[in-house]
Amino acid sequence: MTEARITELLEIAQEAAAAGAAVLAERDEVAPTGTVLTEDQSGVKTKSSESDLVTDFDRRAEEAVREAISRRRPQDTISGEEYGTTEVDNPSGYRWSIDPLDGTTNFVRGIAYYGTSVGLQGPDGTWLVGVVNAPALNRIWWGVKGHGSFTSRGTNEPVRLVGPTGDPHAGLLATGFGYDPARREQQTATVADMLTGFGNLRRLGAAALDICMVADGTLDAYAEYGIWEHDWAAAAVIAEEAGVPVRRPAAANSAEAPDWCVVGHLGMEHSQLLPTPTGL
């Protein structure tokens, strides 16, 4: 791709992520930070379980992201968490994978770890661009294939990311757990094995932010079973461009083909993570 095309695609991704984050930033107009949103305030509903939540903010943020992309790239395909994949006539071959609100439970409960994630895949299947915008943290991460990854807070100058630099044995492993009790039990056992190579564990509740924090060295590694493509699409580009090894799940649809997403060095072979019991 030409430099002009790269610049254009990154600008669109940043604009789209900012549009979604602007919707999420409206939360403080509804309820003070640190307080739980009610159904009347956010339209919060459940999806796969009582703890798997979706809100009107999720839907409105995805609409804002889609509009920002479609306005400038009307021939691109868009895949999103809330509205699925939108096909277009005469598709360009480029496909956007978006998560309008990564960390919905955190968002509902007033915990600051949530954001909008926008990733772009090229016609040959290569992931090209990733942007993650976390409005409550006033923090943005972004990366472009072959051009590095960066972060900035507020109006501060961007900082290039280089991944973790400390000793993992004194460092932090990040993970998350599924909503299904049987899957969670299996994940817990596997994560306990991983943890022998780290100083401690963090579970922030937003996969994209976890992965970005490995890219910027806040965390040392991340591993989670059963997350969807929209969870990792953008952040995986950011981590790779920071020099961090990434194992993407084999399939986009976690419900049909759950798999491990691994970012960073676990101190164990990926083959030791598998097999996970069928159906979990």
Protein backbone atom coordinates (compact mmCIF):
# COMPACT_ATOMS: atom_id res chain seq x y z
CA MET A 1 0.00 0.00 0.00
CA THR A 2 1.08 3.56 -0.61
CA GLU A 3 1.80 5.88 2.29
CA ALA A 4 -1.24 7.92 1.30
CA ARG A 5 -3.49 4.86 1.51
CA ILE A 6 -2.02 3.83 4.86
CA THR A 7 -2.57 7.33 6.23
CA GLU A 8 -6.14 7.35 4.94
CA LEU A 9 -7.04 3.98 6.46
CA LEU A 10 -5.54 4.87 9.83
CA GLU A 11 -7.38 8.19 9.86
CA ILE A 12 -10.67 6.42 9.15
CA ALA A 13 -10.05 3.87 11.90
CA GLN A 14 -9.18 6.61 14.38
CA GLU A 15 -12.22 8.65 13.38
CA ALA A 16 -14.50 5.63 13.68
CA ALA A 17 -13.11 4.62 17.09
CA ALA A 18 -13.47 8.22 18.30
CA ALA A 19 -17.10 8.26 17.13
CA GLY A 20 -17.87 5.15 19.16
CA ALA A 21 -15.94 6.45 22.17
CA ALA A 22 -17.88 9.72 22.04
CA VAL A 23 -21.11 7.78 22.52
CA LEU A 24 -19.60 5.90 25.46
CA ALA A 25 -18.44 9.18 27.00
CA GLU A 26 -22.10 10.14 27.35
CA ARG A 27 -22.28 7.69 30.24
CA ASP A 28 -21.31 10.39 32.73
CA GLU A 29 -24.32 12.43 31.65
CA VAL A 30 -26.56 9.52 32.64
CA ALA A 31 -24.87 8.41 35.86
CA PRO A 32 -21.74 9.52 37.72
CA THR A 33 -18.61 7.45 37.14
CA GLY A 34 -18.41 4.68 39.69
CA THR A 35 -22.16 4.13 39.93
CA VAL A 36 -24.07 1.28 38.31
CA LEU A 37 -26.31 2.01 35.33
CA THR A 38 -29.90 0.88 35.62
CA GLU A 39 -32.07 -0.55 32.85
CA ASP A 40 -33.93 2.76 32.60
CA GLN A 41 -30.67 4.66 32.16
CA SER A 42 -29.00 2.40 29.61
CA GLY A 43 -31.49 -0.17 28.34
CA VAL A 44 -29.23 -2.88 29.75
CA LYS A 45 -30.26 -6.40 28.74
CA THR A 46 -28.75 -9.87 28.97
CA LYS A 47 -27.55 -12.00 26.05
CA SER A 48 -26.10 -15.49 26.55
CA SER A 49 -26.37 -15.40 30.35
CA GLU A 50 -27.41 -13.16 33.25
CA SER A 51 -23.87 -11.74 33.34
CA ASP A 52 -23.51 -11.25 29.55
CA LEU A 53 -24.82 -7.72 29.07
CA VAL A 54 -25.69 -5.40 26.20
CA THR A 55 -26.88 -1.79 26.41
CA ASP A 56 -28.32 0.93 24.22
CA PHE A 57 -24.82 2.45 24.36
CA ASP A 58 -23.41 -0.67 22.61
CA ARG A 59 -25.91 -0.29 19.79
CA ARG A 60 -25.58 3.47 19.38
CA ALA A 61 -21.79 3.28 19.50
CA GLU A 62 -21.75 0.63 16.78
CA GLU A 63 -24.05 2.75 14.63
CA ALA A 64 -21.66 5.69 15.05
CA VAL A 65 -18.63 3.56 14.13
CA ARG A 66 -20.37 2.11 11.09
CA GLU A 67 -21.46 5.54 9.87
CA ALA A 68 -17.93 6.93 10.16
CA ILE A 69 -16.51 4.04 8.12
CA SER A 70 -19.26 3.86 5.50
CA ARG A 71 -19.16 7.58 4.84
CA ARG A 72 -15.57 7.33 3.59
CA ARG A 73 -15.37 3.65 2.55
CA PRO A 74 -18.84 2.67 1.27
CA GLN A 75 -17.56 -0.44 -0.53
CA ASP A 76 -15.94 -1.99 2.54
CA THR A 77 -17.56 -4.82 4.50
CA ILE A 78 -18.19 -4.22 8.21
CA SER A 79 -18.49 -6.92 10.88
CA GLY A 80 -19.68 -5.77 14.30
CA GLU A 81 -20.63 -7.31 17.60
CA GLU A 82 -24.19 -6.00 17.71
CA TYR A 83 -25.29 -5.96 14.06
CA GLY A 84 -23.26 -8.77 12.51
CA THR A 85 -21.72 -8.52 9.04
CA THR A 86 -23.07 -6.00 6.55
CA GLU A 87 -22.44 -6.97 2.95
CA VAL A 88 -22.18 -4.34 0.20
CA ASP A 89 -22.48 -4.30 -3.58
CA ASN A 90 -19.14 -4.50 -5.39
CA PRO A 91 -17.12 -5.03 -2.20
CA SER A 92 -13.58 -3.66 -2.09
CA GLY A 93 -12.18 -6.72 -0.30
CA TYR A 94 -11.42 -4.73 2.84
CA ARG A 95 -13.30 -5.72 5.99
CA TRP A 96 -13.65 -3.85 9.27
CA SER A 97 -14.11 -5.76 12.53
CA ILE A 98 -15.52 -3.56 15.27
CA ASP A 99 -16.44 -3.83 18.92
CA PRO A 100 -18.34 -0.67 19.86
CA LEU A 101 -18.14 -1.34 23.59
CA ASP A 102 -15.48 -3.76 24.74
CA GLY A 103 -16.02 -4.21 28.48
CA THR A 104 -19.80 -3.78 28.70
CA THR A 105 -20.03 -5.15 32.25
CA ASN A 106 -17.35 -2.69 33.37
CA PHE A 107 -19.23 0.11 31.61
CA VAL A 108 -22.52 -0.75 33.30
CA ARG A 109 -20.90 -0.99 36.73
CA GLY A 110 -18.88 2.21 36.43
CA ILE A 111 -15.46 0.58 36.10
CA ALA A 112 -13.20 2.61 33.80
CA TYR A 113 -11.81 -0.26 31.69
CA TYR A 114 -13.88 -0.16 28.50
CA GLY A 115 -13.53 1.24 25.01
CA THR A 116 -14.25 1.10 21.28
CA SER A 117 -12.16 -1.22 19.10
CA VAL A 118 -11.77 -0.88 15.30
CA GLY A 119 -9.68 -3.31 13.23
CA LEU A 120 -9.18 -3.57 9.46
CA GLN A 121 -8.40 -6.69 7.43
CA GLY A 122 -7.05 -6.47 3.88
CA PRO A 123 -8.16 -8.40 0.79
CA ASP A 124 -5.48 -11.07 1.36
CA GLY A 125 -6.61 -11.67 4.96
CA THR A 126 -3.79 -9.68 6.58
CA TRP A 127 -4.78 -7.51 9.54
CA LEU A 128 -3.65 -4.01 8.60
CA VAL A 129 -4.83 -1.43 11.12
CA GLY A 130 -6.01 -1.41 14.72
CA VAL A 131 -7.29 1.40 16.94
CA VAL A 132 -8.58 1.12 20.51
CA ASN A 133 -10.06 4.20 22.18
CA ALA A 134 -10.75 4.10 25.93
CA PRO A 135 -12.62 7.33 26.78
CA ALA A 136 -12.80 6.92 30.57
CA LEU A 137 -9.01 6.47 30.62
CA ASN A 138 -8.50 9.30 28.09
CA ARG A 139 -6.22 6.85 26.28
CA ILE A 140 -5.82 5.71 22.65
CA TRP A 141 -3.69 2.90 21.19
CA TRP A 142 -3.13 2.37 17.47
CA GLY A 143 -1.00 0.33 15.10
CA VAL A 144 -0.46 -0.15 11.36
CA LYS A 145 1.05 -3.26 9.81
CA GLY A 146 4.75 -2.60 9.16
CA HIS A 147 4.64 0.89 10.67
CA GLY A 148 4.71 0.30 14.42
CA SER A 149 2.21 0.97 17.17
CA PHE A 150 1.71 3.92 19.49
CA THR A 151 -0.30 5.25 22.40
CA SER A 152 -1.24 8.68 23.68
CA ARG A 153 -3.17 10.12 26.60
CA GLY A 154 -5.14 13.30 26.04
CA THR A 155 -3.08 15.83 24.11
CA ASN A 156 0.27 14.23 25.01
CA GLU A 157 2.67 13.32 22.24
CA PRO A 158 2.37 9.71 20.98
CA VAL A 159 4.73 7.14 22.49
CA ARG A 160 5.96 4.21 20.38
CA LEU A 161 5.22 0.82 21.93
CA VAL A 162 7.88 -1.84 22.45
CA GLY A 163 6.06 -4.47 24.55
CA PRO A 164 7.02 -5.81 27.99
CA THR A 165 10.61 -5.29 29.09
CA GLY A 166 10.71 -6.74 32.61
CA ASP A 167 11.12 -10.23 34.03
CA PRO A 168 7.83 -12.15 33.52
CA HIS A 169 8.39 -14.02 36.78
CA ALA A 170 7.83 -10.71 38.55
CA GLY A 171 5.26 -9.57 36.01
CA LEU A 172 1.52 -9.72 35.38
CA LEU A 173 -0.52 -12.22 33.39
CA ALA A 174 -3.92 -10.98 32.17
CA THR A 175 -6.89 -13.18 31.37
CA GLY A 176 -10.67 -13.33 31.29
CA PHE A 177 -13.27 -15.99 31.98
CA GLY A 178 -16.33 -17.15 30.06
CA TYR A 179 -19.93 -16.93 31.18
CA ASP A 180 -20.53 -20.69 31.09
CA PRO A 181 -19.57 -22.32 34.43
CA ALA A 182 -18.07 -25.44 32.83
CA ARG A 183 -15.91 -23.36 30.47
CA ARG A 184 -14.88 -21.10 33.34
CA GLU A 185 -13.78 -24.08 35.42
CA GLN A 186 -11.56 -25.34 32.59
CA GLN A 187 -10.13 -21.88 31.98
CA THR A 188 -9.33 -21.47 35.66
CA ALA A 189 -7.35 -24.71 35.75
CA THR A 190 -5.34 -23.78 32.66
CA VAL A 191 -4.66 -20.24 33.85
CA ALA A 192 -3.42 -21.63 37.18
CA ASP A 193 -0.79 -23.59 35.24
CA MET A 194 0.22 -20.46 33.31
CA LEU A 195 0.50 -18.39 36.46
CA THR A 196 3.52 -20.35 37.69
CA GLY A 197 5.61 -18.27 35.29
CA PHE A 198 4.33 -14.86 36.46
CA GLY A 199 4.31 -12.75 39.57
CA ASN A 200 0.55 -12.24 39.68
CA LEU A 201 -2.72 -12.13 37.74
CA ARG A 202 -5.00 -9.35 36.50
CA ARG A 203 -8.52 -9.66 35.11
CA LEU A 204 -9.60 -6.24 33.79
CA GLY A 205 -12.72 -7.31 31.92
CA ALA A 206 -11.92 -5.88 28.48
CA ALA A 207 -9.88 -8.05 26.12
CA ALA A 208 -8.86 -5.25 23.74
CA LEU A 209 -7.49 -3.16 26.62
CA ASP A 210 -5.71 -6.18 28.09
CA ILE A 211 -3.93 -6.79 24.78
CA CYS A 212 -3.05 -3.11 24.35
CA MET A 213 -1.57 -3.10 27.85
CA VAL A 214 0.71 -5.97 26.89
CA ALA A 215 1.75 -3.92 23.86
CA ASP A 216 2.66 -0.96 26.06
CA GLY A 217 4.35 -3.10 28.72
CA THR A 218 1.83 -2.50 31.52
CA LEU A 219 1.06 -6.23 31.46
CA ASP A 220 3.48 -8.99 30.48
CA ALA A 221 1.17 -11.45 28.69
CA TYR A 222 -2.49 -12.15 28.02
CA ALA A 223 -4.31 -15.41 27.37
CA GLU A 224 -8.04 -16.05 27.15
CA TYR A 225 -10.17 -18.85 25.77
CA GLY A 226 -13.28 -18.25 23.71
CA ILE A 227 -13.11 -14.56 22.77
CA TRP A 228 -14.53 -13.38 19.46
CA GLU A 229 -12.77 -11.75 16.52
CA HIS A 230 -14.12 -8.29 17.34
CA ASP A 231 -12.47 -8.60 20.78
CA TRP A 232 -8.94 -9.07 19.42
CA ALA A 233 -8.98 -7.76 15.81
CA ALA A 234 -7.67 -4.24 16.48
CA ALA A 235 -5.55 -4.87 19.55
CA ALA A 236 -3.69 -7.82 17.98
CA VAL A 237 -2.30 -5.50 15.28
CA ILE A 238 -1.17 -3.07 17.98
CA ALA A 239 0.58 -5.82 19.94
CA GLU A 240 2.30 -7.34 16.91
CA GLU A 241 3.58 -3.95 15.82
CA ALA A 242 5.04 -3.52 19.31
CA GLY A 243 7.05 -6.70 18.71
CA VAL A 244 4.84 -8.92 20.85
CA PRO A 245 4.02 -12.43 19.54
CA VAL A 246 0.30 -13.00 18.95
CA ARG A 247 -1.64 -16.23 18.58
CA ARG A 248 -5.00 -15.35 17.11
CA PRO A 249 -7.91 -17.80 17.45
CA ALA A 250 -8.36 -19.94 14.35
CA ALA A 251 -11.96 -18.82 13.76
CA ALA A 252 -13.82 -15.54 14.15
CA ASN A 253 -16.91 -17.16 15.68
CA SER A 254 -16.14 -18.26 19.21
CA ALA A 255 -19.55 -19.86 19.67
CA GLU A 256 -18.84 -22.36 16.88
CA ALA A 257 -15.07 -22.79 17.26
CA PRO A 258 -13.73 -21.50 20.62
CA ASP A 259 -9.95 -21.19 20.82
CA TRP A 260 -7.20 -19.53 22.84
CA CYS A 261 -6.01 -16.02 22.08
CA VAL A 262 -2.46 -15.58 23.39
CA VAL A 263 -0.45 -12.35 23.39
CA GLY A 264 3.12 -12.43 24.70
CA HIS A 265 5.24 -15.25 26.10
CA LEU A 266 3.51 -17.62 28.52
CA GLY A 267 6.52 -19.75 29.39
CA MET A 268 4.68 -22.80 28.07
CA GLU A 269 3.95 -24.22 24.63
CA HIS A 270 0.61 -23.34 23.09
CA SER A 271 0.02 -27.05 22.61
CA GLN A 272 -0.21 -27.33 26.39
CA LEU A 273 -3.32 -25.14 26.30
CA LEU A 274 -5.18 -27.68 24.19
CA PRO A 275 -7.29 -29.64 23.83
CA THR A 276 -10.07 -27.92 25.67
CA PRO A 277 -13.08 -30.17 26.27
CA THR A 278 -15.47 -30.25 23.30
CA GLY A 279 -18.28 -27.75 23.55
CA LEU A 280 -16.70 -25.56 26.22
